[in-house]
Amino acid sequence: MIAIDEQETGELWVFGYGSLMWRPGFDAVERVPARLKGLHRALCVFSHVHRGTPERPGLVLGLDHGGMCRGIAYRVTAAARAETIAYLRGREQVTSVYRETMRRIELEDASRRQVSALCYIVDRGHVQYAGSLSLAERLHYVRQGHGRSGPNREYVLDAVHALEALGYRETDLHLLAERLGKHETVVKHQDVETGLETPEP
């Protein structure tokens, strides 16, 4: 993993794949759909703060090994760089379950540029890593989870809606959303795992 250069003073790209997609919380001068290869989005982190508590944990998204992840890339000005990094560390590193790293991403606009972006990847050795749960177990944690940022169920549905806004679906997340109820898909989506369009359920 490549650590962020603390001496760097130029503009910054940030890759959002979870709540940063719909609630970044920092100012950006550009917002572009993007993809990251070699890692995939998964509900693989027990949430003890934002969507649960240590006694009743919820589940939040992390970047885990393998595959590919589509999300949002944000370009931050050089003047806002330090402030943005400090904000993200305060938000993402509350329990140090994520590793802060710079990864190469591809912007999904006309330019198809590759840029280096700040990403938060799950630490598989952390006690909050939850990478091998069954669907039933994930449902249990999501249904019970409620933390500083609200109910866990809301978080999962917001993630699904953010993906749909990009025109994609992810089988695991959409299946979970259907089990949680009150979720309607209104357009056709391209499954990010298969690349195939799937009809409305």
Protein backbone atom coordinates (compact mmCIF):
# COMPACT_ATOMS: atom_id res chain seq x y z
CA MET A 1 0.00 0.00 0.00
CA ILE A 2 1.15 3.52 -0.76
CA ALA A 3 0.75 5.94 2.15
CA ILE A 4 -0.36 9.47 1.54
CA ASP A 5 2.55 11.91 1.17
CA GLU A 6 2.29 14.30 4.10
CA GLN A 7 4.65 16.72 2.32
CA GLU A 8 2.51 16.91 -0.82
CA THR A 9 0.69 20.21 -1.24
CA GLY A 10 -1.08 19.76 -4.58
CA GLU A 11 -4.70 18.96 -5.30
CA LEU A 12 -6.16 15.72 -3.98
CA TRP A 13 -8.44 13.06 -5.42
CA VAL A 14 -10.64 11.08 -3.01
CA PHE A 15 -12.40 7.82 -3.96
CA GLY A 16 -15.82 7.36 -2.37
CA TYR A 17 -17.45 3.93 -2.42
CA GLY A 18 -19.73 4.04 0.64
CA SER A 19 -21.36 6.98 2.39
CA LEU A 20 -18.89 9.34 0.70
CA MET A 21 -20.89 8.74 -2.50
CA TRP A 22 -24.00 10.46 -1.14
CA ARG A 23 -22.62 12.46 1.80
CA PRO A 24 -19.00 13.46 1.18
CA GLY A 25 -18.90 16.14 3.86
CA PHE A 26 -16.11 18.14 2.20
CA ASP A 27 -15.89 20.61 -0.67
CA ALA A 28 -14.85 19.31 -4.08
CA VAL A 29 -14.43 21.13 -7.37
CA GLU A 30 -15.09 18.03 -9.45
CA ARG A 31 -17.21 14.90 -8.96
CA VAL A 32 -16.68 12.07 -11.47
CA PRO A 33 -17.81 8.41 -11.58
CA ALA A 34 -14.71 6.22 -11.27
CA ARG A 35 -13.55 2.64 -10.94
CA LEU A 36 -10.92 1.00 -8.79
CA LYS A 37 -9.47 -2.36 -9.84
CA GLY A 38 -8.19 -5.01 -7.45
CA LEU A 39 -10.64 -4.25 -4.64
CA HIS A 40 -14.38 -4.64 -4.26
CA ARG A 41 -17.08 -3.06 -2.12
CA ALA A 42 -18.47 -5.29 0.65
CA LEU A 43 -20.39 -5.04 3.91
CA CYS A 44 -17.34 -6.31 5.73
CA VAL A 45 -16.92 -3.95 8.68
CA PHE A 46 -18.69 -4.19 12.04
CA SER A 47 -19.80 -0.66 12.89
CA HIS A 48 -19.33 0.33 16.54
CA VAL A 49 -19.87 4.07 16.08
CA HIS A 50 -21.68 5.40 12.99
CA ARG A 51 -24.23 2.59 12.40
CA GLY A 52 -24.02 0.53 15.57
CA THR A 53 -22.44 0.19 18.98
CA PRO A 54 -19.93 -2.29 20.44
CA GLU A 55 -22.87 -4.00 22.20
CA ARG A 56 -25.12 -4.02 19.12
CA PRO A 57 -22.88 -3.63 16.06
CA GLY A 58 -24.12 -2.79 12.62
CA LEU A 59 -22.37 -3.33 9.29
CA VAL A 60 -20.78 -0.80 6.96
CA LEU A 61 -18.94 -0.98 3.67
CA GLY A 62 -15.25 -1.50 3.17
CA LEU A 63 -12.92 -2.13 0.25
CA ASP A 64 -11.82 -5.76 0.38
CA HIS A 65 -9.40 -7.81 -1.72
CA GLY A 66 -10.19 -8.75 -5.30
CA GLY A 67 -12.52 -7.67 -8.07
CA MET A 68 -13.43 -4.12 -8.99
CA CYS A 69 -15.34 -1.27 -7.40
CA ARG A 70 -17.24 1.58 -9.02
CA GLY A 71 -17.73 4.75 -7.04
CA ILE A 72 -17.24 8.50 -7.10
CA ALA A 73 -13.96 10.40 -7.42
CA TYR A 74 -13.80 13.87 -5.90
CA ARG A 75 -11.16 16.46 -6.83
CA VAL A 76 -10.18 18.73 -3.96
CA THR A 77 -8.17 21.92 -4.43
CA ALA A 78 -4.67 22.22 -3.04
CA ALA A 79 -5.91 24.87 -0.61
CA ALA A 80 -8.47 22.44 0.85
CA ARG A 81 -6.18 19.38 0.83
CA ALA A 82 -5.03 19.36 4.47
CA GLU A 83 -8.47 20.22 5.81
CA THR A 84 -10.08 17.43 3.75
CA ILE A 85 -7.58 14.80 4.90
CA ALA A 86 -8.08 15.82 8.52
CA TYR A 87 -11.85 15.60 8.10
CA LEU A 88 -11.67 12.15 6.49
CA ARG A 89 -9.37 10.82 9.18
CA GLY A 90 -11.78 11.99 11.84
CA ARG A 91 -14.68 10.34 10.03
CA GLU A 92 -13.12 7.10 8.77
CA GLN A 93 -10.45 6.33 11.35
CA VAL A 94 -12.47 6.45 14.57
CA THR A 95 -11.52 2.84 15.39
CA SER A 96 -8.67 2.44 12.86
CA VAL A 97 -10.47 -0.36 10.99
CA TYR A 98 -9.49 1.19 7.65
CA ARG A 99 -6.04 1.62 6.16
CA GLU A 100 -5.43 4.96 4.51
CA THR A 101 -3.74 4.54 1.15
CA MET A 102 -3.29 6.04 -2.29
CA ARG A 103 -4.52 3.88 -5.17
CA ARG A 104 -4.72 4.32 -8.92
CA ILE A 105 -8.30 4.80 -10.15
CA GLU A 106 -9.80 5.38 -13.60
CA LEU A 107 -12.20 8.25 -14.14
CA GLU A 108 -15.30 7.15 -16.03
CA ASP A 109 -15.73 10.33 -18.04
CA ALA A 110 -14.73 11.22 -21.57
CA SER A 111 -11.08 11.54 -20.58
CA ARG A 112 -10.78 8.03 -19.04
CA ARG A 113 -7.85 9.48 -17.08
CA GLN A 114 -6.06 7.52 -14.41
CA VAL A 115 -5.32 9.42 -11.21
CA SER A 116 -3.99 8.57 -7.78
CA ALA A 117 -6.72 8.85 -5.14
CA LEU A 118 -7.02 8.62 -1.39
CA CYS A 119 -8.87 5.42 -0.41
CA TYR A 120 -9.82 3.71 2.83
CA ILE A 121 -9.32 -0.07 2.68
CA VAL A 122 -10.47 -2.49 5.37
CA ASP A 123 -7.81 -3.95 7.65
CA ARG A 124 -8.48 -7.69 7.57
CA GLY A 125 -6.57 -8.14 10.81
CA HIS A 126 -8.80 -5.75 12.74
CA VAL A 127 -11.32 -7.08 15.26
CA GLN A 128 -14.11 -5.29 13.35
CA TYR A 129 -13.42 -7.13 10.08
CA ALA A 130 -16.57 -9.06 9.12
CA GLY A 131 -15.73 -10.53 5.75
CA SER A 132 -17.30 -13.99 5.97
CA LEU A 133 -20.87 -13.44 7.13
CA SER A 134 -23.86 -15.18 5.57
CA LEU A 135 -26.80 -13.21 4.18
CA ALA A 136 -28.85 -14.08 7.27
CA GLU A 137 -26.10 -12.82 9.55
CA ARG A 138 -25.73 -9.59 7.59
CA LEU A 139 -29.48 -9.03 7.77
CA HIS A 140 -29.37 -9.52 11.53
CA TYR A 141 -26.64 -6.93 12.06
CA VAL A 142 -28.16 -4.40 9.65
CA ARG A 143 -31.59 -4.69 11.24
CA GLN A 144 -30.24 -4.21 14.75
CA GLY A 145 -27.63 -1.55 13.97
CA HIS A 146 -28.16 2.07 14.98
CA GLY A 147 -25.34 4.50 15.70
CA ARG A 148 -24.21 8.10 15.65
CA SER A 149 -25.12 8.54 11.98
CA GLY A 150 -28.50 6.80 12.16
CA PRO A 151 -30.02 3.37 11.46
CA ASN A 152 -27.98 0.76 9.60
CA ARG A 153 -30.92 -0.11 7.34
CA GLU A 154 -30.97 3.47 6.04
CA TYR A 155 -27.25 3.24 5.26
CA VAL A 156 -27.67 0.10 3.13
CA LEU A 157 -30.61 1.55 1.20
CA ASP A 158 -28.74 4.81 0.63
CA ALA A 159 -25.81 2.81 -0.77
CA VAL A 160 -28.11 0.98 -3.17
CA HIS A 161 -29.75 4.22 -4.28
CA ALA A 162 -26.34 5.81 -4.86
CA LEU A 163 -25.34 2.88 -7.08
CA GLU A 164 -28.60 3.09 -8.98
CA ALA A 165 -27.98 6.78 -9.59
CA LEU A 166 -24.81 5.70 -11.39
CA GLY A 167 -26.79 3.10 -13.36
CA TYR A 168 -25.36 0.04 -11.59
CA ARG A 169 -26.45 -2.70 -9.26
CA GLU A 170 -24.48 -5.05 -7.07
CA THR A 171 -26.06 -8.43 -6.49
CA ASP A 172 -25.26 -8.77 -2.78
CA LEU A 173 -26.31 -5.27 -1.79
CA HIS A 174 -29.49 -5.35 -3.84
CA LEU A 175 -30.45 -8.73 -2.42
CA LEU A 176 -29.94 -7.39 1.07
CA ALA A 177 -32.01 -4.30 0.25
CA GLU A 178 -34.85 -6.49 -1.03
CA ARG A 179 -34.79 -8.48 2.22
CA LEU A 180 -34.91 -5.24 4.18
CA GLY A 181 -38.06 -4.26 2.28
CA LYS A 182 -39.45 -1.02 0.91
CA HIS A 183 -36.92 -0.83 -1.88
CA GLU A 184 -38.03 -0.31 -5.47
CA THR A 185 -35.77 -0.35 -8.49
CA VAL A 186 -37.06 2.12 -11.07
CA VAL A 187 -34.56 1.68 -13.93
CA LYS A 188 -32.53 -1.05 -15.52
CA HIS A 189 -29.05 -1.38 -14.09
CA GLN A 190 -25.79 -2.81 -15.20
CA ASP A 191 -24.53 -5.36 -12.72
CA VAL A 192 -21.02 -4.25 -11.77
CA GLU A 193 -20.02 -7.87 -11.21
CA THR A 194 -21.14 -9.25 -14.58
CA GLY A 195 -21.42 -6.17 -16.77
CA LEU A 196 -24.88 -7.34 -17.90
CA GLU A 197 -28.06 -5.35 -17.74
CA THR A 198 -30.62 -6.79 -15.39
CA PRO A 199 -34.38 -6.22 -15.70
CA GLU A 200 -36.44 -4.49 -13.11
CA PRO A 201 -37.47 -6.88 -10.33
